[in-house]
Amino acid sequence: MAIQWDCNGNDDQKWRYEALGNGYYRLHNVGSNLCLGIRGGSWDRGADVIQWECNGNGDQMWYMPDGGAYYPMMSANNRANGGAIDLCMSIGGGRTDWGAKAIVWDCNGADDQTWS
């Protein structure tokens, strides 16, 4: 599962963005070359964000609006599977401690959903 940690410059914290068009990206981890996705391809609130083999599925597509240094990362998976709400990558419970896991949750503009 993806967790937040102090920035240290290691490859496990570096991501390569693959543009998919229309503001969507696939994120490849530099250290593992795995993609950032949602456990089991789920579109449920609270599902874990993990890295796993790149497969082209919607749970590995992230919408990032242009402009600004900080933005939400919205999962394409929810809308693609008929979901009525947008889910964004979040840190569960808005926690700020090391090791807190990344999940998907209703997009709400909170700080725990803002990425750079």
C-alpha atoms as a PDB file:
ATOM      1  CA  MET A   1       0.000   0.000   0.000  1.00  0.00           C
ATOM      2  CA  ALA A   2       1.103   3.583  -0.533  1.00  0.00           C
ATOM      3  CA  ILE A   3       1.977   5.504   2.607  1.00  0.00           C
ATOM      4  CA  GLN A   4       3.138   9.003   3.371  1.00  0.00           C
ATOM      5  CA  TRP A   5       6.688   9.451   4.591  1.00  0.00           C
ATOM      6  CA  ASP A   6       9.284  12.133   5.044  1.00  0.00           C
ATOM      7  CA  CYS A   7      10.756  13.128   1.662  1.00  0.00           C
ATOM      8  CA  ASN A   8      14.148  11.444   1.331  1.00  0.00           C
ATOM      9  CA  GLY A   9      14.920  11.393  -2.401  1.00  0.00           C
ATOM     10  CA  ASN A  10      14.861   7.590  -2.695  1.00  0.00           C
ATOM     11  CA  ASP A  11      13.545   6.002  -5.885  1.00  0.00           C
ATOM     12  CA  ASP A  12      10.464   4.638  -4.084  1.00  0.00           C
ATOM     13  CA  GLN A  13       9.321   8.270  -3.749  1.00  0.00           C
ATOM     14  CA  LYS A  14       9.910   9.179  -7.393  1.00  0.00           C
ATOM     15  CA  TRP A  15       7.174   8.845  -9.990  1.00  0.00           C
ATOM     16  CA  ARG A  16       7.168   9.097 -13.780  1.00  0.00           C
ATOM     17  CA  TYR A  17       3.991  10.559 -15.256  1.00  0.00           C
ATOM     18  CA  GLU A  18       2.640   8.986 -18.449  1.00  0.00           C
ATOM     19  CA  ALA A  19       0.161  11.336 -20.150  1.00  0.00           C
ATOM     20  CA  LEU A  20      -2.965   9.490 -21.300  1.00  0.00           C
ATOM     21  CA  GLY A  21      -4.814  12.518 -22.681  1.00  0.00           C
ATOM     22  CA  ASN A  22      -7.633  14.725 -21.408  1.00  0.00           C
ATOM     23  CA  GLY A  23      -5.793  15.451 -18.139  1.00  0.00           C
ATOM     24  CA  TYR A  24      -5.367  11.769 -17.166  1.00  0.00           C
ATOM     25  CA  TYR A  25      -2.031  10.228 -16.185  1.00  0.00           C
ATOM     26  CA  ARG A  26      -0.623   6.870 -15.210  1.00  0.00           C
ATOM     27  CA  LEU A  27       2.054   7.065 -12.497  1.00  0.00           C
ATOM     28  CA  HIS A  28       4.988   4.647 -12.691  1.00  0.00           C
ATOM     29  CA  ASN A  29       7.211   4.274  -9.640  1.00  0.00           C
ATOM     30  CA  VAL A  30      10.866   4.832 -10.607  1.00  0.00           C
ATOM     31  CA  GLY A  31      12.173   2.211  -8.159  1.00  0.00           C
ATOM     32  CA  SER A  32       9.782  -0.615  -9.006  1.00  0.00           C
ATOM     33  CA  ASN A  33       8.273   0.496 -12.356  1.00  0.00           C
ATOM     34  CA  LEU A  34       4.886  -0.521 -10.910  1.00  0.00           C
ATOM     35  CA  CYS A  35       1.858   1.753 -11.338  1.00  0.00           C
ATOM     36  CA  LEU A  36      -0.164   3.582  -8.715  1.00  0.00           C
ATOM     37  CA  GLY A  37      -3.651   2.106  -8.521  1.00  0.00           C
ATOM     38  CA  ILE A  38      -6.491   1.120  -6.223  1.00  0.00           C
ATOM     39  CA  ARG A  39      -6.414  -2.269  -4.463  1.00  0.00           C
ATOM     40  CA  GLY A  40      -8.426  -4.806  -6.415  1.00  0.00           C
ATOM     41  CA  GLY A  41      -9.555  -2.143  -8.891  1.00  0.00           C
ATOM     42  CA  SER A  42     -12.153  -1.121  -6.316  1.00  0.00           C
ATOM     43  CA  TRP A  43     -14.217   2.037  -6.609  1.00  0.00           C
ATOM     44  CA  ASP A  44     -15.304   2.005  -2.951  1.00  0.00           C
ATOM     45  CA  ARG A  45     -14.600   4.784  -0.464  1.00  0.00           C
ATOM     46  CA  GLY A  46     -11.652   3.880   1.756  1.00  0.00           C
ATOM     47  CA  ALA A  47     -10.026   1.459  -0.711  1.00  0.00           C
ATOM     48  CA  ASP A  48      -6.225   1.360  -0.388  1.00  0.00           C
ATOM     49  CA  VAL A  49      -4.004   3.071  -2.949  1.00  0.00           C
ATOM     50  CA  ILE A  50      -1.238   0.634  -3.888  1.00  0.00           C
ATOM     51  CA  GLN A  51       1.419   0.078  -6.529  1.00  0.00           C
ATOM     52  CA  TRP A  52       1.063  -2.966  -8.740  1.00  0.00           C
ATOM     53  CA  GLU A  53       1.711  -4.212 -12.256  1.00  0.00           C
ATOM     54  CA  CYS A  54       0.713  -1.674 -14.903  1.00  0.00           C
ATOM     55  CA  ASN A  55      -2.358  -2.993 -16.706  1.00  0.00           C
ATOM     56  CA  GLY A  56      -4.181  -0.048 -18.310  1.00  0.00           C
ATOM     57  CA  ASN A  57      -7.253  -0.344 -16.074  1.00  0.00           C
ATOM     58  CA  GLY A  58      -9.153   2.721 -14.859  1.00  0.00           C
ATOM     59  CA  ASP A  59      -7.931   2.354 -11.282  1.00  0.00           C
ATOM     60  CA  GLN A  60      -4.457   3.273 -12.555  1.00  0.00           C
ATOM     61  CA  MET A  61      -5.655   6.427 -14.325  1.00  0.00           C
ATOM     62  CA  TRP A  62      -5.501   9.662 -12.330  1.00  0.00           C
ATOM     63  CA  TYR A  63      -6.982  12.983 -13.392  1.00  0.00           C
ATOM     64  CA  MET A  64      -4.855  15.964 -12.417  1.00  0.00           C
ATOM     65  CA  PRO A  65      -6.186  19.374 -13.403  1.00  0.00           C
ATOM     66  CA  ASP A  66      -3.726  21.761 -15.028  1.00  0.00           C
ATOM     67  CA  GLY A  67      -2.484  24.839 -13.221  1.00  0.00           C
ATOM     68  CA  GLY A  68      -0.980  25.439  -9.835  1.00  0.00           C
ATOM     69  CA  ALA A  69       1.668  23.524  -7.956  1.00  0.00           C
ATOM     70  CA  TYR A  70      -0.851  21.615  -5.813  1.00  0.00           C
ATOM     71  CA  TYR A  71      -3.808  19.645  -7.092  1.00  0.00           C
ATOM     72  CA  PRO A  72      -6.100  16.703  -6.342  1.00  0.00           C
ATOM     73  CA  MET A  73      -5.504  13.302  -7.934  1.00  0.00           C
ATOM     74  CA  MET A  74      -8.931  12.056  -8.965  1.00  0.00           C
ATOM     75  CA  SER A  75      -9.404   8.377  -9.827  1.00  0.00           C
ATOM     76  CA  ALA A  76     -10.835   7.644 -13.270  1.00  0.00           C
ATOM     77  CA  ASN A  77     -12.051   4.284 -11.990  1.00  0.00           C
ATOM     78  CA  ASN A  78     -15.134   5.479 -10.130  1.00  0.00           C
ATOM     79  CA  ARG A  79     -16.737   7.324 -13.041  1.00  0.00           C
ATOM     80  CA  ALA A  80     -15.817   4.561 -15.476  1.00  0.00           C
ATOM     81  CA  ASN A  81     -17.708   2.045 -13.333  1.00  0.00           C
ATOM     82  CA  GLY A  82     -20.892   4.095 -13.020  1.00  0.00           C
ATOM     83  CA  GLY A  83     -20.055   5.850  -9.762  1.00  0.00           C
ATOM     84  CA  ALA A  84     -21.969   9.031  -9.088  1.00  0.00           C
ATOM     85  CA  ILE A  85     -19.189  10.711  -7.108  1.00  0.00           C
ATOM     86  CA  ASP A  86     -15.563  11.510  -7.710  1.00  0.00           C
ATOM     87  CA  LEU A  87     -12.969   9.792  -5.533  1.00  0.00           C
ATOM     88  CA  CYS A  88      -9.590  11.395  -4.865  1.00  0.00           C
ATOM     89  CA  MET A  89      -6.386  10.025  -3.418  1.00  0.00           C
ATOM     90  CA  SER A  90      -6.415  10.987   0.263  1.00  0.00           C
ATOM     91  CA  ILE A  91      -4.548  10.255   3.450  1.00  0.00           C
ATOM     92  CA  GLY A  92      -6.979   8.371   5.678  1.00  0.00           C
ATOM     93  CA  GLY A  93      -8.492  10.555   8.384  1.00  0.00           C
ATOM     94  CA  GLY A  94      -6.382  13.525   7.293  1.00  0.00           C
ATOM     95  CA  ARG A  95      -3.502  12.098   9.331  1.00  0.00           C
ATOM     96  CA  THR A  96      -0.126  13.819   9.157  1.00  0.00           C
ATOM     97  CA  ASP A  97       2.096  11.111  10.673  1.00  0.00           C
ATOM     98  CA  TRP A  98       4.592   8.946   8.816  1.00  0.00           C
ATOM     99  CA  GLY A  99       3.155   5.624   7.710  1.00  0.00           C
ATOM    100  CA  ALA A 100      -0.431   6.848   7.278  1.00  0.00           C
ATOM    101  CA  LYS A 101      -1.884   5.028   4.295  1.00  0.00           C
ATOM    102  CA  ALA A 102      -3.230   6.522   1.104  1.00  0.00           C
ATOM    103  CA  ILE A 103      -6.844   5.695   0.235  1.00  0.00           C
ATOM    104  CA  VAL A 104      -9.514   7.008  -2.112  1.00  0.00           C
ATOM    105  CA  TRP A 105     -12.310   9.144  -0.670  1.00  0.00           C
ATOM    106  CA  ASP A 106     -14.934  11.643  -1.802  1.00  0.00           C
ATOM    107  CA  CYS A 107     -13.169  14.614  -3.375  1.00  0.00           C
ATOM    108  CA  ASN A 108     -13.560  17.485  -0.926  1.00  0.00           C
ATOM    109  CA  GLY A 109     -10.591  19.817  -1.472  1.00  0.00           C
ATOM    110  CA  ALA A 110      -9.080  19.083   1.959  1.00  0.00           C
ATOM    111  CA  ASP A 111      -5.331  19.322   2.510  1.00  0.00           C
ATOM    112  CA  ASP A 112      -5.000  15.517   2.679  1.00  0.00           C
ATOM    113  CA  GLN A 113      -6.149  15.426  -0.973  1.00  0.00           C
ATOM    114  CA  THR A 114      -3.718  18.041  -2.247  1.00  0.00           C
ATOM    115  CA  TRP A 115      -0.544  16.796  -3.950  1.00  0.00           C
ATOM    116  CA  SER A 116       2.484  18.348  -5.618  1.00  0.00           C
END
